[in-house]
PDB file of all heavy atoms in Angstrom:
ATOM      1  N   SER A   1       0.860  -1.178  -0.024  1.00  0.00           N
ATOM      2  CA  SER A   1       0.010   0.014   0.008  1.00  0.00           C
ATOM      3  C   SER A   1       0.885   1.236  -0.005  1.00  0.00           C
ATOM      4  O   SER A   1       1.749   1.356   0.873  1.00  0.00           O
ATOM      5  CB  SER A   1      -0.901   0.000   1.228  1.00  0.00           C
ATOM      6  OG  SER A   1      -1.560   1.236   1.343  1.00  0.00           O
ATOM      7  N   PRO A   2       0.747   2.127  -0.949  1.00  0.00           N
ATOM      8  CA  PRO A   2       1.601   3.297  -0.991  1.00  0.00           C
ATOM      9  C   PRO A   2       1.411   4.237   0.194  1.00  0.00           C
ATOM     10  O   PRO A   2       2.230   5.100   0.425  1.00  0.00           O
ATOM     11  CB  PRO A   2       1.227   3.997  -2.292  1.00  0.00           C
ATOM     12  CG  PRO A   2       0.020   3.343  -2.792  1.00  0.00           C
ATOM     13  CD  PRO A   2      -0.195   2.062  -2.059  1.00  0.00           C
ATOM     14  N   ASP A   3       0.334   4.050   0.950  1.00  0.00           N
ATOM     15  CA  ASP A   3       0.053   4.881   2.078  1.00  0.00           C
ATOM     16  C   ASP A   3       0.754   4.405   3.355  1.00  0.00           C
ATOM     17  O   ASP A   3       0.715   5.082   4.347  1.00  0.00           O
ATOM     18  CB  ASP A   3      -1.444   4.940   2.356  1.00  0.00           C
ATOM     19  CG  ASP A   3      -2.224   5.528   1.157  1.00  0.00           C
ATOM     20  OD1 ASP A   3      -1.619   6.353   0.454  1.00  0.00           O
ATOM     21  OD2 ASP A   3      -3.337   5.058   0.902  1.00  0.00           O
ATOM     22  N   GLU A   4       1.346   3.225   3.324  1.00  0.00           N
ATOM     23  CA  GLU A   4       1.978   2.608   4.491  1.00  0.00           C
ATOM     24  C   GLU A   4       3.495   2.601   4.347  1.00  0.00           C
ATOM     25  O   GLU A   4       4.008   2.590   3.211  1.00  0.00           O
ATOM     26  CB  GLU A   4       1.464   1.167   4.689  1.00  0.00           C
ATOM     27  CG  GLU A   4       0.000   1.062   4.925  1.00  0.00           C
ATOM     28  CD  GLU A   4      -0.426   1.607   6.258  1.00  0.00           C
ATOM     29  OE1 GLU A   4       0.353   1.474   7.247  1.00  0.00           O
ATOM     30  OE2 GLU A   4      -1.497   2.248   6.317  1.00  0.00           O
ATOM     31  N   PRO A   5       4.247   2.586   5.437  1.00  0.00           N
ATOM     32  CA  PRO A   5       5.722   2.450   5.328  1.00  0.00           C
ATOM     33  C   PRO A   5       6.060   1.106   4.714  1.00  0.00           C
ATOM     34  O   PRO A   5       5.416   0.090   4.913  1.00  0.00           O
ATOM     35  CB  PRO A   5       6.203   2.495   6.791  1.00  0.00           C
ATOM     36  CG  PRO A   5       5.039   3.057   7.590  1.00  0.00           C
ATOM     37  CD  PRO A   5       3.821   2.775   6.808  1.00  0.00           C
ATOM     38  N   GLN A   6       7.157   1.098   3.970  1.00  0.00           N
ATOM     39  CA  GLN A   6       7.558  -0.119   3.242  1.00  0.00           C
ATOM     40  C   GLN A   6       8.829  -0.741   3.797  1.00  0.00           C
ATOM     41  O   GLN A   6       9.487  -1.510   3.147  1.00  0.00           O
ATOM     42  CB  GLN A   6       7.790   0.238   1.755  1.00  0.00           C
ATOM     43  CG  GLN A   6       6.561   0.849   1.102  1.00  0.00           C
ATOM     44  CD  GLN A   6       5.309   0.042   1.186  1.00  0.00           C
ATOM     45  OE1 GLN A   6       5.364  -1.197   1.089  1.00  0.00           O
ATOM     46  NE2 GLN A   6       4.207   0.661   1.435  1.00  0.00           N
ATOM     47  N   ASP A   7       9.148  -0.441   5.063  1.00  0.00           N
ATOM     48  CA  ASP A   7      10.384  -1.032   5.641  1.00  0.00           C
ATOM     49  C   ASP A   7      10.317  -2.534   5.715  1.00  0.00           C
ATOM     50  O   ASP A   7      11.373  -3.171   5.599  1.00  0.00           O
ATOM     51  CB  ASP A   7      10.653  -0.394   7.023  1.00  0.00           C
ATOM     52  CG  ASP A   7       9.510  -0.514   7.992  1.00  0.00           C
ATOM     53  OD1 ASP A   7       8.349  -0.740   7.551  1.00  0.00           O
ATOM     54  OD2 ASP A   7       9.742  -0.467   9.202  1.00  0.00           O
ATOM     55  N   HIS A   8       9.150  -3.112   5.826  1.00  0.00           N
ATOM     56  CA  HIS A   8       9.062  -4.586   5.829  1.00  0.00           C
ATOM     57  C   HIS A   8       9.451  -5.202   4.509  1.00  0.00           C
ATOM     58  O   HIS A   8      10.057  -6.273   4.485  1.00  0.00           O
ATOM     59  CB  HIS A   8       7.630  -5.007   6.223  1.00  0.00           C
ATOM     60  CG  HIS A   8       6.577  -4.648   5.192  1.00  0.00           C
ATOM     61  ND1 HIS A   8       6.099  -3.350   5.067  1.00  0.00           N
ATOM     62  CD2 HIS A   8       6.007  -5.369   4.213  1.00  0.00           C
ATOM     63  CE1 HIS A   8       5.253  -3.295   4.070  1.00  0.00           C
ATOM     64  NE2 HIS A   8       5.142  -4.519   3.535  1.00  0.00           N
ATOM     65  N   LEU A   9       9.229  -4.493   3.394  1.00  0.00           N
ATOM     66  CA  LEU A   9       9.673  -4.992   2.094  1.00  0.00           C
ATOM     67  C   LEU A   9      11.198  -5.024   2.045  1.00  0.00           C
ATOM     68  O   LEU A   9      11.810  -5.984   1.554  1.00  0.00           O
ATOM     69  CB  LEU A   9       9.158  -4.099   0.967  1.00  0.00           C
ATOM     70  CG  LEU A   9       7.686  -4.179   0.576  1.00  0.00           C
ATOM     71  CD1 LEU A   9       7.391  -3.158  -0.533  1.00  0.00           C
ATOM     72  CD2 LEU A   9       7.340  -5.552   0.136  1.00  0.00           C
ATOM     73  N   ILE A  10      11.819  -3.988   2.549  1.00  0.00           N
ATOM     74  CA  ILE A  10      13.295  -3.911   2.564  1.00  0.00           C
ATOM     75  C   ILE A  10      13.885  -4.966   3.460  1.00  0.00           C
ATOM     76  O   ILE A  10      14.819  -5.666   3.074  1.00  0.00           O
ATOM     77  CB  ILE A  10      13.741  -2.493   2.961  1.00  0.00           C
ATOM     78  CG1 ILE A  10      13.254  -1.473   1.954  1.00  0.00           C
ATOM     79  CG2 ILE A  10      15.258  -2.457   3.079  1.00  0.00           C
ATOM     80  CD1 ILE A  10      13.459  -0.037   2.347  1.00  0.00           C
ATOM     81  N   ARG A  11      13.311  -5.131   4.674  1.00  0.00           N
ATOM     82  CA  ARG A  11      13.835  -6.129   5.605  1.00  0.00           C
ATOM     83  C   ARG A  11      13.724  -7.520   5.004  1.00  0.00           C
ATOM     84  O   ARG A  11      14.680  -8.341   5.120  1.00  0.00           O
ATOM     85  CB  ARG A  11      13.094  -6.064   6.921  1.00  0.00           C
ATOM     86  CG  ARG A  11      13.549  -4.967   7.835  1.00  0.00           C
ATOM     87  CD  ARG A  11      13.031  -5.160   9.234  1.00  0.00           C
ATOM     88  NE  ARG A  11      13.360  -4.025  10.031  1.00  0.00           N
ATOM     89  CZ  ARG A  11      12.598  -2.944  10.174  1.00  0.00           C
ATOM     90  NH1 ARG A  11      11.421  -2.879   9.586  1.00  0.00           N
ATOM     91  NH2 ARG A  11      13.010  -1.938  10.891  1.00  0.00           N
ATOM     92  N   SER A  12      12.580  -7.847   4.419  1.00  0.00           N
ATOM     93  CA  SER A  12      12.441  -9.211   3.853  1.00  0.00           C
ATOM     94  C   SER A  12      13.368  -9.413   2.652  1.00  0.00           C
ATOM     95  O   SER A  12      13.930 -10.490   2.479  1.00  0.00           O
ATOM     96  CB  SER A  12      10.993  -9.533   3.510  1.00  0.00           C
ATOM     97  OG  SER A  12      10.564  -8.660   2.474  1.00  0.00           O
ATOM     98  N   ALA A  13      13.564  -8.369   1.863  1.00  0.00           N
ATOM     99  CA  ALA A  13      14.514  -8.472   0.712  1.00  0.00           C
ATOM    100  C   ALA A  13      15.933  -8.647   1.214  1.00  0.00           C
ATOM    101  O   ALA A  13      16.691  -9.434   0.634  1.00  0.00           O
ATOM    102  CB  ALA A  13      14.415  -7.249  -0.167  1.00  0.00           C
ATOM    103  N   LEU A  14      16.294  -7.982   2.313  1.00  0.00           N
ATOM    104  CA  LEU A  14      17.655  -8.144   2.871  1.00  0.00           C
ATOM    105  C   LEU A  14      17.828  -9.551   3.404  1.00  0.00           C
ATOM    106  O   LEU A  14      18.893 -10.169   3.206  1.00  0.00           O
ATOM    107  CB  LEU A  14      17.881  -7.144   3.992  1.00  0.00           C
ATOM    108  CG  LEU A  14      18.160  -5.690   3.593  1.00  0.00           C
ATOM    109  CD1 LEU A  14      18.055  -4.771   4.788  1.00  0.00           C
ATOM    110  CD2 LEU A  14      19.492  -5.562   2.874  1.00  0.00           C
ATOM    111  N   ASP A  15      16.808 -10.087   4.054  1.00  0.00           N
ATOM    112  CA  ASP A  15      16.857 -11.480   4.584  1.00  0.00           C
ATOM    113  C   ASP A  15      17.016 -12.488   3.483  1.00  0.00           C
ATOM    114  O   ASP A  15      17.744 -13.470   3.588  1.00  0.00           O
ATOM    115  CB  ASP A  15      15.614 -11.776   5.445  1.00  0.00           C
ATOM    116  CG  ASP A  15      15.649 -11.038   6.758  1.00  0.00           C
ATOM    117  OD1 ASP A  15      16.711 -10.545   7.192  1.00  0.00           O
ATOM    118  OD2 ASP A  15      14.543 -10.982   7.380  1.00  0.00           O
ATOM    119  N   GLU A  16      16.274 -12.232   2.378  1.00  0.00           N
ATOM    120  CA  GLU A  16      16.284 -13.200   1.245  1.00  0.00           C
ATOM    121  C   GLU A  16      17.632 -13.230   0.508  1.00  0.00           C
ATOM    122  O   GLU A  16      17.902 -14.175  -0.208  1.00  0.00           O
ATOM    123  CB  GLU A  16      15.155 -12.903   0.300  1.00  0.00           C
ATOM    124  CG  GLU A  16      13.808 -13.228   0.832  1.00  0.00           C
ATOM    125  CD  GLU A  16      12.666 -12.781  -0.095  1.00  0.00           C
ATOM    126  OE1 GLU A  16      12.946 -12.318  -1.220  1.00  0.00           O
ATOM    127  OE2 GLU A  16      11.530 -12.882   0.350  1.00  0.00           O
ATOM    128  N   THR A  17      18.446 -12.199   0.684  1.00  0.00           N
ATOM    129  CA  THR A  17      19.751 -12.217  -0.035  1.00  0.00           C
ATOM    130  C   THR A  17      20.666 -13.266   0.549  1.00  0.00           C
ATOM    131  O   THR A  17      21.499 -13.810  -0.158  1.00  0.00           O
ATOM    132  CB  THR A  17      20.478 -10.850   0.047  1.00  0.00           C
ATOM    133  OG1 THR A  17      20.800 -10.581   1.436  1.00  0.00           O
ATOM    134  CG2 THR A  17      19.653  -9.759  -0.550  1.00  0.00           C
ATOM    135  N   GLY A  18      20.505 -13.584   1.861  1.00  0.00           N
ATOM    136  CA  GLY A  18      21.388 -14.567   2.501  1.00  0.00           C
ATOM    137  C   GLY A  18      22.784 -14.085   2.740  1.00  0.00           C
ATOM    138  O   GLY A  18      23.672 -14.832   3.160  1.00  0.00           O
ATOM    139  N   THR A  19      23.010 -12.780   2.591  1.00  0.00           N
ATOM    140  CA  THR A  19      24.327 -12.193   2.814  1.00  0.00           C
ATOM    141  C   THR A  19      24.422 -11.713   4.279  1.00  0.00           C
ATOM    142  O   THR A  19      23.496 -11.215   4.808  1.00  0.00           O
ATOM    143  CB  THR A  19      24.537 -10.998   1.863  1.00  0.00           C
ATOM    144  OG1 THR A  19      24.336 -11.442   0.546  1.00  0.00           O
ATOM    145  CG2 THR A  19      25.929 -10.410   2.003  1.00  0.00           C
ATOM    146  N   GLY A  20      25.598 -11.912   4.862  1.00  0.00           N
ATOM    147  CA  GLY A  20      25.829 -11.424   6.206  1.00  0.00           C
ATOM    148  C   GLY A  20      25.230 -12.357   7.243  1.00  0.00           C
ATOM    149  O   GLY A  20      24.594 -13.375   6.919  1.00  0.00           O
ATOM    150  N   PRO A  21      25.423 -11.994   8.523  1.00  0.00           N
ATOM    151  CA  PRO A  21      24.931 -12.825   9.610  1.00  0.00           C
ATOM    152  C   PRO A  21      23.408 -12.782   9.801  1.00  0.00           C
ATOM    153  O   PRO A  21      22.855 -13.565  10.546  1.00  0.00           O
ATOM    154  CB  PRO A  21      25.644 -12.303  10.827  1.00  0.00           C
ATOM    155  CG  PRO A  21      26.033 -10.930  10.504  1.00  0.00           C
ATOM    156  CD  PRO A  21      26.223 -10.898   8.998  1.00  0.00           C
ATOM    157  N   GLY A  22      22.737 -11.857   9.137  1.00  0.00           N
ATOM    158  CA  GLY A  22      21.285 -11.793   9.231  1.00  0.00           C
ATOM    159  C   GLY A  22      20.782 -10.742  10.181  1.00  0.00           C
ATOM    160  O   GLY A  22      20.492  -9.648   9.766  1.00  0.00           O
ATOM    161  N   PRO A  23      20.678 -11.035  11.494  1.00  0.00           N
ATOM    162  CA  PRO A  23      20.118 -10.023  12.399  1.00  0.00           C
ATOM    163  C   PRO A  23      21.083  -8.867  12.593  1.00  0.00           C
ATOM    164  O   PRO A  23      22.272  -8.968  12.278  1.00  0.00           O
ATOM    165  CB  PRO A  23      19.947 -10.812  13.710  1.00  0.00           C
ATOM    166  CG  PRO A  23      20.839 -11.965  13.606  1.00  0.00           C
ATOM    167  CD  PRO A  23      20.979 -12.271  12.160  1.00  0.00           C
ATOM    168  N   GLY A  24      20.528  -7.756  13.076  1.00  0.00           N
ATOM    169  CA  GLY A  24      21.392  -6.614  13.371  1.00  0.00           C
ATOM    170  C   GLY A  24      21.273  -5.481  12.339  1.00  0.00           C
ATOM    171  O   GLY A  24      21.913  -4.448  12.480  1.00  0.00           O
ATOM    172  N   VAL A  25      20.441  -5.644  11.348  1.00  0.00           N
ATOM    173  CA  VAL A  25      20.258  -4.588  10.344  1.00  0.00           C
ATOM    174  C   VAL A  25      19.106  -3.689  10.769  1.00  0.00           C
ATOM    175  O   VAL A  25      18.035  -4.183  11.143  1.00  0.00           O
ATOM    176  CB  VAL A  25      19.955  -5.146   8.918  1.00  0.00           C
ATOM    177  CG1 VAL A  25      19.632  -4.087   7.941  1.00  0.00           C
ATOM    178  CG2 VAL A  25      21.117  -5.997   8.463  1.00  0.00           C
TER     179      VAL A  25
END
């Protein structure tokens, strides 16, 4: 929804990369 923050999209995309230790971003 363009009316809502999209930080969850970024977090899930970062998790899906599999790069780094994961938590802490």
